[in-house]
Amino acid sequence: MNLDGLILNKNKFTKMIEETVQTKQLSYLDAIVWLCEHHNIEIEEVKKYISPVIVNKLEAEARDLNYIQRLNKLPFE
């Protein structure tokens, strides 16, 4: 994938997501969607560019919003 002459990879896309979250005060999910719309990237294509760090942050946001179930762990495991 090519963005304005730049070849996109996980590291670059992660940096773009983090910068968008900071500058636009968006959630990680909203930042990804915004970047896709702004750079004409298909949402289906972006999966391969999302790093495990961003995946973890997306999961944490989803849990906070009750989109996915919280992990039930015993405190003495």
Protein backbone atom coordinates (compact mmCIF):
# COMPACT_ATOMS: atom_id res chain seq x y z
CA MET A 1 0.00 0.00 0.00
CA ASN A 2 1.27 3.41 -0.89
CA LEU A 3 0.34 6.67 0.87
CA ASP A 4 1.55 9.81 -0.86
CA GLY A 5 4.70 8.05 -2.04
CA LEU A 6 5.29 6.28 1.28
CA ILE A 7 5.12 2.52 1.61
CA LEU A 8 2.94 1.59 4.56
CA ASN A 9 4.02 -0.99 7.12
CA LYS A 10 3.03 -1.87 10.70
CA ASN A 11 5.48 0.53 12.31
CA LYS A 12 4.45 3.49 10.17
CA PHE A 13 0.75 2.78 10.58
CA THR A 14 1.14 2.37 14.34
CA LYS A 15 2.86 5.75 14.49
CA MET A 16 0.11 7.29 12.36
CA ILE A 17 -2.56 5.85 14.68
CA GLU A 18 -0.81 7.09 17.84
CA GLU A 19 -0.35 10.58 16.37
CA THR A 20 -3.99 10.72 15.29
CA VAL A 21 -5.19 9.64 18.74
CA GLN A 22 -3.07 12.37 20.34
CA THR A 23 -3.71 15.24 17.95
CA LYS A 24 -7.39 14.66 17.21
CA GLN A 25 -8.37 13.31 20.65
CA LEU A 26 -9.96 10.21 19.08
CA SER A 27 -10.30 6.67 20.34
CA TYR A 28 -8.05 4.09 18.69
CA LEU A 29 -10.93 2.67 16.68
CA ASP A 30 -12.02 6.13 15.51
CA ALA A 31 -8.41 7.00 14.64
CA ILE A 32 -8.10 3.91 12.45
CA VAL A 33 -11.36 4.67 10.69
CA TRP A 34 -10.36 8.32 10.23
CA LEU A 35 -6.99 7.33 8.75
CA CYS A 36 -8.67 4.90 6.37
CA GLU A 37 -11.12 7.53 5.18
CA HIS A 38 -8.47 10.27 4.96
CA HIS A 39 -6.02 8.12 2.97
CA ASN A 40 -8.59 6.14 0.95
CA ILE A 41 -7.63 2.82 2.54
CA GLU A 42 -10.18 0.01 2.56
CA ILE A 43 -11.04 -1.00 6.14
CA GLU A 44 -10.63 -4.67 5.18
CA GLU A 45 -7.03 -4.03 4.05
CA VAL A 46 -5.87 -2.34 7.24
CA LYS A 47 -5.92 -5.48 9.41
CA LYS A 48 -2.43 -6.51 8.29
CA TYR A 49 -1.01 -3.13 9.34
CA ILE A 50 -2.33 -3.10 12.90
CA SER A 51 0.38 -4.01 15.40
CA PRO A 52 -0.20 -6.15 18.52
CA VAL A 53 0.25 -3.03 20.66
CA ILE A 54 -2.67 -1.31 18.90
CA VAL A 55 -4.74 -4.52 19.09
CA ASN A 56 -4.26 -4.55 22.87
CA LYS A 57 -5.29 -0.90 23.12
CA LEU A 58 -8.37 -1.57 20.96
CA GLU A 59 -9.33 -4.48 23.21
CA ALA A 60 -8.92 -2.34 26.33
CA GLU A 61 -11.14 0.38 24.83
CA ALA A 62 -13.74 -2.20 23.84
CA ARG A 63 -13.78 -3.65 27.36
CA ASP A 64 -14.15 -0.18 28.87
CA LEU A 65 -17.14 0.45 26.59
CA ASN A 66 -18.58 -3.02 27.32
CA TYR A 67 -18.29 -3.99 23.64
CA ILE A 68 -16.51 -7.19 24.64
CA GLN A 69 -16.66 -9.18 27.83
CA ARG A 70 -14.19 -8.43 30.58
CA LEU A 71 -11.71 -11.13 31.49
CA ASN A 72 -12.65 -12.84 34.71
CA LYS A 73 -9.52 -13.73 36.64
CA LEU A 74 -9.23 -14.69 40.25
CA PRO A 75 -7.03 -12.31 42.21
CA PHE A 76 -4.96 -15.17 43.65
CA GLU A 77 -4.04 -17.00 40.44
